[in-house]
Amino acid sequence: MLPAPSNESTTSSKKRKYPKRPNGYGSVFEINKDIAPNSGKSKICKWRGQYTDYLSPKSPKPRPTKNFKTKVEAERWLNERVTELQRGFSNSAIDSKITVKDFIERFINQRESRGRSPETIRSYRSNLLNHIGPRIGHLNASKLSTHAIESMFGDMRKEGLGRTAGISYAILSAAYKYAVKMGDIGFNPMERIEKPRCIAQPTQPIPWEDFQKIYKAASLDPYSHARAEVALVIGIRPSEALALKWSDLELDSEHPFMLVQHKLQRVKGEGLVFGPTKTGKAIVKPLSSDQVKIFKRHRNHQSLKKASWSKDHDLVFPNSLGQPMDDKADTKLWIYLLKLAGVDHFQRYQARKSAFSYLAPFTDPKTLQTYSGHSQISTLFNHYVHTMNPSMAELIRAQDSIREKLSSPVSRESDQVTG
């Protein structure tokens, strides 16, 4: 007859042993083993899952905890949370319930307070309102998945919004990168996203025949002649042209020049505001003797109208009352000039592109880059070009050469200019 098993062995046989979870995978343990006596309820067992969120920016690192009726439920929850951590998702961000819309809006406000240009802020808010917000704005920013982002970009490509998708990508990338750097969030889902590719369709230069017609129509009036010279020949941006002051032009020295150092733009709540150029740098534009004559003629004609001005702001291209010219008003004058010239509609910015396109054959790339003010030569050309000895004088003579052609009867001379 076999001996009866001892109490010690009986107790150990009833205990169920579970493998120990590895470090970093959290823990599952029993809690509240017994219900209060005489309650009439059966004996039950509750389980608790707990882990350390090592991706959280908080210090000390939080330990999220949740209770379950069964060990299986606790294990399942814990495995899901640990898997999220391994993929870079933190569930303990400073504001773990913030939506993507509010997250991006907070980032835009921060950029605005840091002095980012109103044009950029306006572009950010427009993209958030019309694209990011309606598509993923309701999702949790601290748990935004790469699948949701890829799906958004895929839909935008199908809708022909390739360029807009690129802007959305830039905004989301900058926002998450800044949040991670500042410790507001523990992961950056944009690191796994490739930048959306799109076929660029840049605007083309104004065809030579229309270019010639526009300049000839503008030359009938001193104001429009100087404005066309700045846009079509010198090639500065519309906002920079509207900010030009006579003090920026040196017309009587041996080496006349134009200093482009400001831009004029409308800021919400502030009206028309002068600010630095797009690149933040001042650009010196040498002027030829013919250009000096054009600006002096415009200045003399302008002086006859100053009697009706409320205030003289020293602007080269003010409105009819001497006040800063609004961008919309300048656009209307451009449209009127196109109708007067009898040509199709062109954007004002095409004038800048035309200026550099028609100058390019007459000078070397480095000189053109210096004159245009671009920081990178790739902005002007699609491939790298070895620089040659700069010759700014040749560029100025090229402008005069183009002007002589503009003054001649309208003819097909595009081959001579571009060749």
Protein backbone atom coordinates (compact mmCIF):
# COMPACT_ATOMS: atom_id res chain seq x y z
CA MET A 1 0.00 0.00 0.00
CA LEU A 2 1.39 3.36 -1.14
CA PRO A 3 1.89 6.06 1.47
CA ALA A 4 -0.52 8.98 1.39
CA PRO A 5 0.89 12.12 -0.16
CA SER A 6 2.01 14.77 2.26
CA ASN A 7 0.23 18.13 2.57
CA GLU A 8 3.28 19.89 1.13
CA SER A 9 3.19 17.93 -2.11
CA THR A 10 -0.58 18.33 -2.38
CA THR A 11 -0.31 22.08 -2.03
CA SER A 12 2.46 22.37 -4.61
CA SER A 13 0.55 20.25 -7.12
CA LYS A 14 -2.39 22.66 -6.94
CA LYS A 15 -0.22 25.70 -7.77
CA ARG A 16 0.08 26.52 -11.42
CA LYS A 17 3.42 27.82 -12.55
CA TYR A 18 3.69 30.39 -15.37
CA PRO A 19 6.85 31.33 -17.25
CA LYS A 20 8.41 34.57 -16.09
CA ARG A 21 7.99 37.48 -18.51
CA PRO A 22 11.27 38.92 -19.86
CA ASN A 23 12.51 42.34 -18.74
CA GLY A 24 10.73 45.17 -20.52
CA TYR A 25 7.60 43.10 -21.22
CA GLY A 26 5.66 44.18 -18.15
CA SER A 27 4.06 41.92 -15.57
CA VAL A 28 0.77 40.18 -14.82
CA PHE A 29 -0.14 39.29 -11.23
CA GLU A 30 -3.12 38.29 -9.09
CA ILE A 31 -5.04 40.75 -6.93
CA ASN A 32 -8.05 40.47 -4.53
CA LYS A 33 -8.04 36.70 -4.25
CA ASP A 34 -11.04 36.44 -1.91
CA ILE A 35 -14.44 38.10 -1.78
CA ALA A 36 -15.73 39.19 1.64
CA PRO A 37 -16.97 36.19 3.63
CA ASN A 38 -20.68 35.29 3.72
CA SER A 39 -21.32 37.33 0.57
CA GLY A 40 -22.87 34.37 -1.19
CA LYS A 41 -20.54 34.83 -4.17
CA SER A 42 -18.19 32.18 -5.44
CA LYS A 43 -14.49 32.52 -5.07
CA ILE A 44 -13.04 34.52 -7.99
CA CYS A 45 -9.62 35.78 -9.02
CA LYS A 46 -8.74 39.13 -10.58
CA TRP A 47 -5.59 39.94 -12.53
CA ARG A 48 -3.62 43.11 -13.08
CA GLY A 49 -1.38 44.03 -16.02
CA GLN A 50 1.34 46.64 -15.66
CA TYR A 51 4.27 47.89 -17.75
CA THR A 52 6.75 50.78 -17.95
CA ASP A 53 6.25 53.27 -20.79
CA TYR A 54 9.92 53.92 -21.52
CA LEU A 55 9.07 56.10 -24.55
CA SER A 56 7.16 58.63 -22.49
CA PRO A 57 8.82 62.06 -22.10
CA LYS A 58 7.67 62.18 -18.48
CA SER A 59 10.05 61.61 -15.60
CA PRO A 60 9.87 59.27 -13.79
CA LYS A 61 8.53 56.96 -16.49
CA PRO A 62 4.83 56.18 -15.94
CA ARG A 63 3.63 52.63 -15.29
CA PRO A 64 0.20 52.19 -16.92
CA THR A 65 -1.94 49.65 -15.07
CA LYS A 66 -5.25 47.91 -15.82
CA ASN A 67 -7.30 45.21 -13.99
CA PHE A 68 -9.00 42.21 -15.62
CA LYS A 69 -11.17 39.28 -14.56
CA THR A 70 -8.97 36.71 -16.22
CA LYS A 71 -5.26 36.27 -16.74
CA VAL A 72 -5.81 35.74 -20.50
CA GLU A 73 -7.39 39.19 -20.82
CA ALA A 74 -4.56 40.79 -18.87
CA GLU A 75 -1.93 39.02 -20.97
CA ARG A 76 -3.64 40.07 -24.21
CA TRP A 77 -3.83 43.74 -23.14
CA LEU A 78 -0.25 43.75 -21.95
CA ASN A 79 1.06 42.14 -25.15
CA GLU A 80 -0.75 44.76 -27.24
CA ARG A 81 0.75 47.62 -25.22
CA VAL A 82 4.26 46.17 -25.35
CA THR A 83 3.95 45.64 -29.11
CA GLU A 84 2.98 49.31 -29.50
CA LEU A 85 6.05 50.34 -27.52
CA GLN A 86 8.28 48.19 -29.71
CA ARG A 87 6.83 49.95 -32.76
CA GLY A 88 7.53 53.35 -31.23
CA PHE A 89 4.08 54.27 -29.92
CA SER A 90 3.85 55.90 -26.52
CA ASN A 91 0.58 55.89 -24.60
CA SER A 92 1.76 58.37 -21.98
CA ALA A 93 2.38 61.58 -23.95
CA ILE A 94 1.93 64.86 -22.08
CA ASP A 95 -1.49 65.22 -23.73
CA SER A 96 -2.38 61.69 -24.74
CA LYS A 97 -5.88 62.61 -25.95
CA ILE A 98 -4.98 65.47 -28.26
CA THR A 99 -6.28 65.16 -31.83
CA VAL A 100 -4.13 65.59 -34.91
CA LYS A 101 -5.99 68.80 -35.74
CA ASP A 102 -5.28 70.38 -32.35
CA PHE A 103 -1.73 69.01 -32.37
CA ILE A 104 -0.94 70.67 -35.73
CA GLU A 105 -2.74 73.87 -34.73
CA ARG A 106 -0.58 74.09 -31.60
CA PHE A 107 2.53 73.62 -33.74
CA ILE A 108 1.42 76.38 -36.16
CA ASN A 109 0.82 78.76 -33.26
CA GLN A 110 4.30 78.03 -31.96
CA ARG A 111 5.81 78.74 -35.38
CA GLU A 112 3.82 81.97 -35.62
CA SER A 113 5.09 83.12 -32.21
CA ARG A 114 8.64 82.40 -33.36
CA GLY A 115 8.26 84.86 -36.23
CA ARG A 116 7.61 82.54 -39.17
CA SER A 117 6.44 84.54 -42.20
CA PRO A 118 2.68 85.20 -42.47
CA GLU A 119 2.68 83.58 -45.92
CA THR A 120 3.96 80.33 -44.45
CA ILE A 121 1.52 80.43 -41.53
CA ARG A 122 -1.34 81.11 -43.92
CA SER A 123 -0.26 78.16 -46.07
CA TYR A 124 -0.03 75.88 -43.01
CA ARG A 125 -3.50 76.82 -41.76
CA SER A 126 -5.04 76.48 -45.21
CA ASN A 127 -3.59 72.99 -45.59
CA LEU A 128 -4.77 71.98 -42.11
CA LEU A 129 -8.28 73.32 -42.75
CA ASN A 130 -8.76 71.84 -46.22
CA HIS A 131 -6.69 68.65 -46.22
CA ILE A 132 -5.10 67.33 -43.03
CA GLY A 133 -8.04 68.25 -40.80
CA PRO A 134 -10.88 66.66 -42.83
CA ARG A 135 -8.86 63.47 -43.47
CA ILE A 136 -7.05 62.61 -40.21
CA GLY A 137 -7.72 65.59 -37.95
CA HIS A 138 -10.04 63.59 -35.67
CA LEU A 139 -7.46 60.89 -34.92
CA ASN A 140 -5.37 60.73 -31.75
CA ALA A 141 -2.04 62.45 -32.44
CA SER A 142 -0.21 60.33 -29.87
CA LYS A 143 -1.39 57.11 -31.56
CA LEU A 144 -1.40 58.15 -35.22
CA SER A 145 -0.52 55.11 -37.30
CA THR A 146 1.60 55.03 -40.43
CA HIS A 147 -1.27 53.27 -42.21
CA ALA A 148 -3.57 56.26 -41.64
CA ILE A 149 -0.93 58.66 -42.97
CA GLU A 150 -0.15 56.52 -46.02
CA SER A 151 -3.86 56.18 -46.74
CA MET A 152 -4.27 59.95 -46.65
CA PHE A 153 -1.39 60.51 -49.08
CA GLY A 154 -2.72 57.76 -51.34
CA ASP A 155 -6.13 59.43 -51.53
CA MET A 156 -4.53 62.80 -52.25
CA ARG A 157 -2.50 61.34 -55.11
CA LYS A 158 -5.64 59.80 -56.62
CA GLU A 159 -7.31 63.21 -56.45
CA GLY A 160 -4.41 64.84 -58.27
CA LEU A 161 -3.18 66.69 -55.17
CA GLY A 162 0.44 65.61 -55.42
CA ARG A 163 1.90 69.01 -54.59
CA THR A 164 -0.56 69.49 -51.73
CA ALA A 165 0.42 66.07 -50.38
CA GLY A 166 4.04 67.26 -50.32
CA ILE A 167 3.05 70.30 -48.26
CA SER A 168 1.03 68.12 -45.86
CA TYR A 169 4.03 65.83 -45.48
CA ALA A 170 6.28 68.79 -44.64
CA ILE A 171 3.85 70.10 -42.01
CA LEU A 172 3.33 66.74 -40.31
CA SER A 173 7.06 65.97 -40.35
CA ALA A 174 8.00 69.32 -38.84
CA ALA A 175 5.27 69.11 -36.19
CA TYR A 176 6.20 65.63 -34.99
CA LYS A 177 9.92 66.29 -35.13
CA TYR A 178 9.50 69.38 -32.97
CA ALA A 179 7.19 67.57 -30.51
CA VAL A 180 9.69 64.75 -30.04
CA LYS A 181 12.54 67.22 -29.58
CA MET A 182 10.58 69.14 -26.94
CA GLY A 183 9.49 65.94 -25.17
CA ASP A 184 5.79 66.47 -25.85
CA ILE A 185 5.44 63.07 -27.48
CA GLY A 186 7.51 59.91 -27.48
CA PHE A 187 7.50 58.89 -31.15
CA ASN A 188 7.52 60.27 -34.68
CA PRO A 189 5.38 58.24 -37.12
CA MET A 190 6.59 60.38 -40.04
CA GLU A 191 10.03 58.76 -39.83
CA ARG A 192 8.54 55.68 -41.48
CA ILE A 193 6.76 57.61 -44.25
CA GLU A 194 8.34 58.33 -47.63
CA LYS A 195 7.77 61.79 -49.03
CA PRO A 196 4.96 61.71 -51.60
CA ARG A 197 6.25 61.96 -55.12
CA CYS A 198 4.47 63.97 -57.74
CA ILE A 199 5.14 65.10 -61.27
CA ALA A 200 5.93 68.79 -61.01
CA GLN A 201 4.24 71.04 -63.52
CA PRO A 202 5.99 74.38 -63.06
CA THR A 203 4.70 77.46 -64.80
CA GLN A 204 6.46 78.32 -68.02
CA PRO A 205 8.07 81.62 -69.04
CA ILE A 206 5.87 83.99 -71.00
CA PRO A 207 6.32 83.29 -74.74
CA TRP A 208 8.60 85.84 -76.39
CA GLU A 209 5.94 87.38 -78.64
CA ASP A 210 3.58 87.95 -75.69
CA PHE A 211 6.51 89.05 -73.53
CA GLN A 212 7.30 91.71 -76.12
CA LYS A 213 3.68 92.87 -76.42
CA ILE A 214 3.30 93.24 -72.64
CA TYR A 215 6.46 95.33 -72.33
CA LYS A 216 5.53 97.58 -75.26
CA ALA A 217 2.05 98.20 -73.79
CA ALA A 218 3.58 99.00 -70.38
CA SER A 219 6.07 101.48 -71.87
CA LEU A 220 3.20 103.84 -72.79
CA ASP A 221 2.89 104.95 -69.15
CA PRO A 222 5.80 105.89 -66.81
CA TYR A 223 4.36 103.98 -63.83
CA SER A 224 3.58 100.77 -65.72
CA HIS A 225 6.88 101.05 -67.62
CA ALA A 226 8.90 101.09 -64.39
CA ARG A 227 6.71 98.34 -62.93
CA ALA A 228 7.21 96.17 -66.02
CA GLU A 229 10.96 96.83 -65.95
CA VAL A 230 11.11 95.55 -62.38
CA ALA A 231 8.98 92.48 -63.13
CA LEU A 232 9.90 91.46 -66.69
CA VAL A 233 13.55 92.52 -66.92
CA ILE A 234 15.00 92.78 -63.38
CA GLY A 235 12.80 89.94 -62.15
CA ILE A 236 12.10 90.68 -58.49
CA ARG A 237 9.09 89.20 -56.68
CA PRO A 238 5.77 91.14 -56.67
CA SER A 239 5.84 91.57 -52.88
CA GLU A 240 9.39 92.95 -53.10
CA ALA A 241 8.48 95.34 -55.90
CA LEU A 242 5.60 96.79 -53.86
CA ALA A 243 7.98 97.36 -50.93
CA LEU A 244 10.56 99.29 -52.97
CA LYS A 245 11.31 102.80 -51.76
CA TRP A 246 13.13 105.55 -53.60
CA SER A 247 15.75 105.42 -50.87
CA ASP A 248 16.49 101.87 -52.06
CA LEU A 249 17.47 103.19 -55.50
CA GLU A 250 20.78 104.93 -56.14
CA LEU A 251 20.23 106.60 -59.50
CA ASP A 252 22.82 109.39 -59.54
CA SER A 253 26.05 107.58 -58.68
CA GLU A 254 28.66 106.33 -61.11
CA HIS A 255 27.47 102.78 -60.44
CA PRO A 256 23.68 102.98 -59.98
CA PHE A 257 21.91 100.11 -58.22
CA MET A 258 18.69 98.92 -56.62
CA LEU A 259 18.67 97.45 -53.10
CA VAL A 260 15.96 94.82 -52.61
CA GLN A 261 15.65 94.38 -48.85
CA HIS A 262 11.94 94.36 -47.96
CA LYS A 263 8.65 92.84 -49.00
CA LEU A 264 5.10 94.08 -48.48
CA GLN A 265 2.36 91.67 -47.52
CA ARG A 266 -0.99 91.64 -45.79
CA VAL A 267 -1.03 90.12 -42.31
CA LYS A 268 -4.30 89.11 -40.70
CA GLY A 269 -5.24 91.62 -38.03
CA GLU A 270 -2.39 93.98 -38.91
CA GLY A 271 -3.03 95.07 -42.49
CA LEU A 272 -0.15 95.71 -44.90
CA VAL A 273 3.17 95.07 -43.20
CA PHE A 274 6.76 95.53 -44.37
CA GLY A 275 9.05 92.61 -43.64
CA PRO A 276 12.33 91.02 -44.77
CA THR A 277 12.63 89.38 -48.17
CA LYS A 278 11.75 85.72 -48.65
CA THR A 279 15.39 84.69 -48.20
CA GLY A 280 15.94 87.19 -45.39
CA LYS A 281 18.83 88.73 -47.31
CA ALA A 282 19.22 92.04 -49.13
CA ILE A 283 20.04 91.80 -52.84
CA VAL A 284 21.89 94.48 -54.79
CA LYS A 285 20.73 94.86 -58.40
CA PRO A 286 23.07 96.91 -60.60
CA LEU A 287 21.21 99.26 -62.95
CA SER A 288 22.07 100.25 -66.50
CA SER A 289 21.85 103.82 -67.80
CA ASP A 290 18.61 102.96 -69.62
CA GLN A 291 17.08 101.64 -66.44
CA VAL A 292 18.08 104.81 -64.59
CA LYS A 293 16.21 106.84 -67.23
CA ILE A 294 13.11 104.67 -66.84
CA PHE A 295 13.02 105.14 -63.05
CA LYS A 296 13.77 108.87 -63.21
CA ARG A 297 10.96 109.37 -65.71
CA HIS A 298 8.60 107.49 -63.40
CA ARG A 299 9.77 109.52 -60.38
CA ASN A 300 9.26 112.85 -62.17
CA HIS A 301 5.80 111.80 -63.31
CA GLN A 302 4.95 110.61 -59.80
CA SER A 303 5.95 113.95 -58.25
CA LEU A 304 3.13 115.64 -60.19
CA LYS A 305 0.56 113.53 -58.34
CA LYS A 306 1.86 113.98 -54.80
CA ALA A 307 -0.33 117.02 -54.16
CA SER A 308 -3.36 114.71 -53.77
CA TRP A 309 -1.57 112.27 -51.46
CA SER A 310 -2.46 112.09 -47.78
CA LYS A 311 1.09 111.02 -46.92
CA ASP A 312 4.28 110.30 -48.80
CA HIS A 313 5.73 106.89 -47.84
CA ASP A 314 8.61 107.22 -50.33
CA LEU A 315 7.26 104.20 -52.22
CA VAL A 316 8.24 103.57 -55.83
CA PHE A 317 4.91 101.84 -56.58
CA PRO A 318 2.23 103.24 -54.23
CA ASN A 319 -1.51 103.35 -54.88
CA SER A 320 -3.27 106.43 -56.21
CA LEU A 321 -3.26 108.04 -52.72
CA GLY A 322 0.42 107.42 -52.03
CA GLN A 323 -0.36 104.55 -49.64
CA PRO A 324 1.17 101.05 -49.86
CA MET A 325 -0.25 99.12 -52.80
CA ASP A 326 -2.32 96.06 -51.92
CA ASP A 327 -1.37 92.84 -53.67
CA LYS A 328 -4.87 92.47 -55.12
CA ALA A 329 -4.73 95.98 -56.58
CA ASP A 330 -1.36 95.22 -58.16
CA THR A 331 -2.82 92.04 -59.66
CA LYS A 332 -5.70 94.02 -61.18
CA LEU A 333 -3.21 96.41 -62.81
CA TRP A 334 -1.33 93.40 -64.22
CA ILE A 335 -4.53 91.91 -65.65
CA TYR A 336 -5.41 95.28 -67.18
CA LEU A 337 -1.95 95.45 -68.76
CA LEU A 338 -2.41 91.97 -70.29
CA LYS A 339 -5.75 93.03 -71.80
CA LEU A 340 -4.17 96.22 -73.13
CA ALA A 341 -1.41 94.14 -74.73
CA GLY A 342 -3.95 91.74 -76.21
CA VAL A 343 -2.37 88.56 -74.80
CA ASP A 344 -3.63 85.57 -72.85
CA HIS A 345 -3.66 85.54 -69.08
CA PHE A 346 -0.33 84.99 -67.31
CA GLN A 347 0.47 84.95 -63.65
CA ARG A 348 2.54 87.80 -62.29
CA TYR A 349 5.16 85.37 -61.08
CA GLN A 350 5.69 84.19 -64.67
CA ALA A 351 7.25 87.58 -65.32
CA ARG A 352 10.05 86.76 -62.85
CA LYS A 353 10.64 83.37 -64.45
CA SER A 354 10.65 85.00 -67.90
CA ALA A 355 13.24 87.57 -66.84
CA PHE A 356 15.77 84.94 -65.80
CA SER A 357 14.95 82.60 -68.68
CA TYR A 358 15.70 85.25 -71.29
CA LEU A 359 18.82 86.42 -69.45
CA ALA A 360 20.29 82.92 -69.07
CA PRO A 361 21.79 82.62 -72.60
CA PHE A 362 23.71 85.88 -72.15
CA THR A 363 25.55 85.11 -68.92
CA ASP A 364 27.04 82.25 -66.92
CA PRO A 365 25.00 80.37 -64.29
CA LYS A 366 26.90 81.71 -61.28
CA THR A 367 26.37 85.32 -62.32
CA LEU A 368 22.69 84.67 -62.89
CA GLN A 369 22.42 83.01 -59.47
CA THR A 370 24.07 86.01 -57.80
CA TYR A 371 21.83 88.43 -59.66
CA SER A 372 18.60 86.52 -58.93
CA GLY A 373 19.44 86.07 -55.25
CA HIS A 374 18.82 82.31 -55.14
CA SER A 375 20.80 80.51 -52.46
CA GLN A 376 21.25 77.38 -54.57
CA ILE A 377 22.08 77.15 -58.23
CA SER A 378 19.87 74.06 -58.50
CA THR A 379 16.90 76.36 -58.03
CA LEU A 380 17.71 77.89 -61.40
CA PHE A 381 18.88 74.76 -63.18
CA ASN A 382 17.91 71.10 -63.06
CA HIS A 383 21.47 69.85 -63.09
CA TYR A 384 24.80 71.09 -61.87
CA VAL A 385 26.63 73.54 -64.14
CA HIS A 386 30.33 74.38 -63.72
CA THR A 387 30.64 78.05 -62.94
CA MET A 388 32.60 80.44 -65.13
CA ASN A 389 34.25 83.77 -64.42
CA PRO A 390 31.41 86.09 -63.33
CA SER A 391 30.63 89.06 -65.54
CA MET A 392 27.89 91.27 -64.15
CA ALA A 393 28.57 93.90 -66.81
CA GLU A 394 27.66 91.42 -69.54
CA LEU A 395 24.38 90.69 -67.76
CA ILE A 396 23.51 94.39 -67.65
CA ARG A 397 24.32 94.73 -71.36
CA ALA A 398 22.11 91.71 -72.00
CA GLN A 399 19.19 93.51 -70.36
CA ASP A 400 19.71 96.47 -72.66
CA SER A 401 19.91 94.11 -75.64
CA ILE A 402 16.57 92.54 -74.68
CA ARG A 403 15.04 95.99 -74.27
CA GLU A 404 16.14 96.99 -77.76
CA LYS A 405 14.36 93.93 -79.13
CA LEU A 406 11.28 94.80 -77.08
CA SER A 407 11.27 98.26 -78.63
CA SER A 408 11.38 96.86 -82.17
CA PRO A 409 8.24 95.85 -84.10
CA VAL A 410 6.61 92.65 -82.89
CA SER A 411 8.17 89.74 -84.73
CA ARG A 412 9.20 86.16 -84.23
CA GLU A 413 12.58 86.64 -82.55
CA SER A 414 12.36 83.91 -79.91
CA ASP A 415 15.02 81.84 -81.63
CA GLN A 416 17.50 84.73 -81.52
CA VAL A 417 16.87 85.41 -77.84
CA THR A 418 16.91 81.85 -76.58
CA GLY A 419 19.64 80.66 -78.96
